[in-house]
Amino acid sequence: MNGRDYTIKFNGLELGVLTGVIMQLDDRTQQALKSVWEQLIALKKQAEEEAGVKKEIIPGGLLKLTDKYGNEIIREPYPFEIEGN
């Protein structure tokens, strides 16, 4: 690029909201925001790593997330989570 920093910076809530908004957009608009999406997913992975999150697919196709303190969340996985992300 031209020497400018185009990295996005968000807190956890903003990250989640923007990720959800992009997921609901049509394919053409999602493609236009692909670089933003990639940064959001990278930030999500970094936050999960820092929190010591472990992911496991459990019976019924649900995703079990456990952090380093033992807190658990069980939910349906998002499409990008089952595509190797």
Protein backbone atom coordinates (compact mmCIF):
# COMPACT_ATOMS: atom_id res chain seq x y z
CA MET A 1 0.00 0.00 0.00
CA ASN A 2 1.08 3.60 0.26
CA GLY A 3 2.64 3.43 3.72
CA ARG A 4 -0.63 3.91 5.58
CA ASP A 5 -1.71 1.53 8.31
CA TYR A 6 -5.08 0.06 7.35
CA THR A 7 -5.22 -2.34 10.31
CA ILE A 8 -8.55 -2.25 12.12
CA LYS A 9 -8.70 -2.02 15.90
CA PHE A 10 -11.78 -3.04 17.91
CA ASN A 11 -12.79 -4.19 21.36
CA GLY A 12 -14.45 -7.59 21.75
CA LEU A 13 -18.00 -6.30 21.47
CA GLU A 14 -17.29 -4.30 18.34
CA LEU A 15 -15.48 -7.27 16.84
CA GLY A 16 -18.46 -9.55 17.42
CA VAL A 17 -21.01 -7.05 16.12
CA LEU A 18 -19.10 -6.31 12.91
CA THR A 19 -18.45 -10.02 12.31
CA GLY A 20 -22.18 -10.71 12.69
CA VAL A 21 -23.12 -7.87 10.36
CA ILE A 22 -20.73 -9.05 7.65
CA MET A 23 -22.02 -12.63 7.97
CA GLN A 24 -25.53 -11.40 7.14
CA LEU A 25 -24.52 -9.44 4.01
CA ASP A 26 -25.00 -10.69 0.46
CA ASP A 27 -22.10 -12.47 -1.26
CA ARG A 28 -21.10 -9.45 -3.37
CA THR A 29 -20.82 -7.16 -0.36
CA GLN A 30 -19.01 -9.83 1.66
CA GLN A 31 -16.47 -10.14 -1.13
CA ALA A 32 -15.92 -6.37 -1.08
CA LEU A 33 -15.19 -6.59 2.66
CA LYS A 34 -12.97 -9.67 2.40
CA SER A 35 -9.85 -7.96 3.79
CA VAL A 36 -11.84 -6.63 6.76
CA TRP A 37 -13.29 -10.12 7.32
CA GLU A 38 -9.83 -11.70 7.30
CA GLN A 39 -8.63 -9.19 9.91
CA LEU A 40 -11.69 -9.86 12.08
CA ILE A 41 -11.11 -13.61 11.99
CA ALA A 42 -7.41 -13.12 12.80
CA LEU A 43 -8.35 -10.95 15.79
CA LYS A 44 -10.90 -13.56 16.91
CA LYS A 45 -8.29 -16.32 16.73
CA GLN A 46 -5.79 -14.19 18.65
CA ALA A 47 -8.33 -13.46 21.40
CA GLU A 48 -9.24 -17.16 21.65
CA GLU A 49 -5.57 -18.09 21.88
CA GLU A 50 -4.94 -15.53 24.64
CA ALA A 51 -7.96 -16.85 26.56
CA GLY A 52 -6.76 -20.44 26.17
CA VAL A 53 -9.92 -21.48 24.32
CA LYS A 54 -10.15 -25.10 23.26
CA LYS A 55 -12.72 -26.14 20.66
CA GLU A 56 -14.35 -29.52 20.33
CA ILE A 57 -17.15 -30.82 18.15
CA ILE A 58 -19.53 -32.82 20.33
CA PRO A 59 -22.38 -35.19 19.42
CA GLY A 60 -25.09 -33.48 17.45
CA GLY A 61 -22.57 -31.31 15.60
CA LEU A 62 -22.42 -28.72 18.34
CA LEU A 63 -19.27 -26.78 19.17
CA LYS A 64 -17.98 -26.86 22.74
CA LEU A 65 -15.69 -23.98 23.69
CA THR A 66 -13.75 -24.15 26.95
CA ASP A 67 -11.45 -21.38 28.22
CA LYS A 68 -8.42 -21.72 30.50
CA TYR A 69 -10.66 -21.20 33.57
CA GLY A 70 -13.00 -24.04 32.65
CA ASN A 71 -15.89 -21.87 31.45
CA GLU A 72 -17.83 -23.68 28.74
CA ILE A 73 -20.07 -22.54 25.93
CA ILE A 74 -21.93 -25.04 23.76
CA ARG A 75 -23.49 -23.74 20.56
CA GLU A 76 -23.92 -24.42 16.88
CA PRO A 77 -20.71 -23.62 14.97
CA TYR A 78 -20.60 -20.73 12.53
CA PRO A 79 -19.87 -21.71 8.93
CA PHE A 80 -16.35 -20.27 9.01
CA GLU A 81 -15.53 -22.34 12.10
CA ILE A 82 -16.23 -25.65 10.41
CA GLU A 83 -14.37 -24.65 7.26
CA GLY A 84 -11.00 -24.99 9.01
CA ASN A 85 -10.90 -21.58 10.69
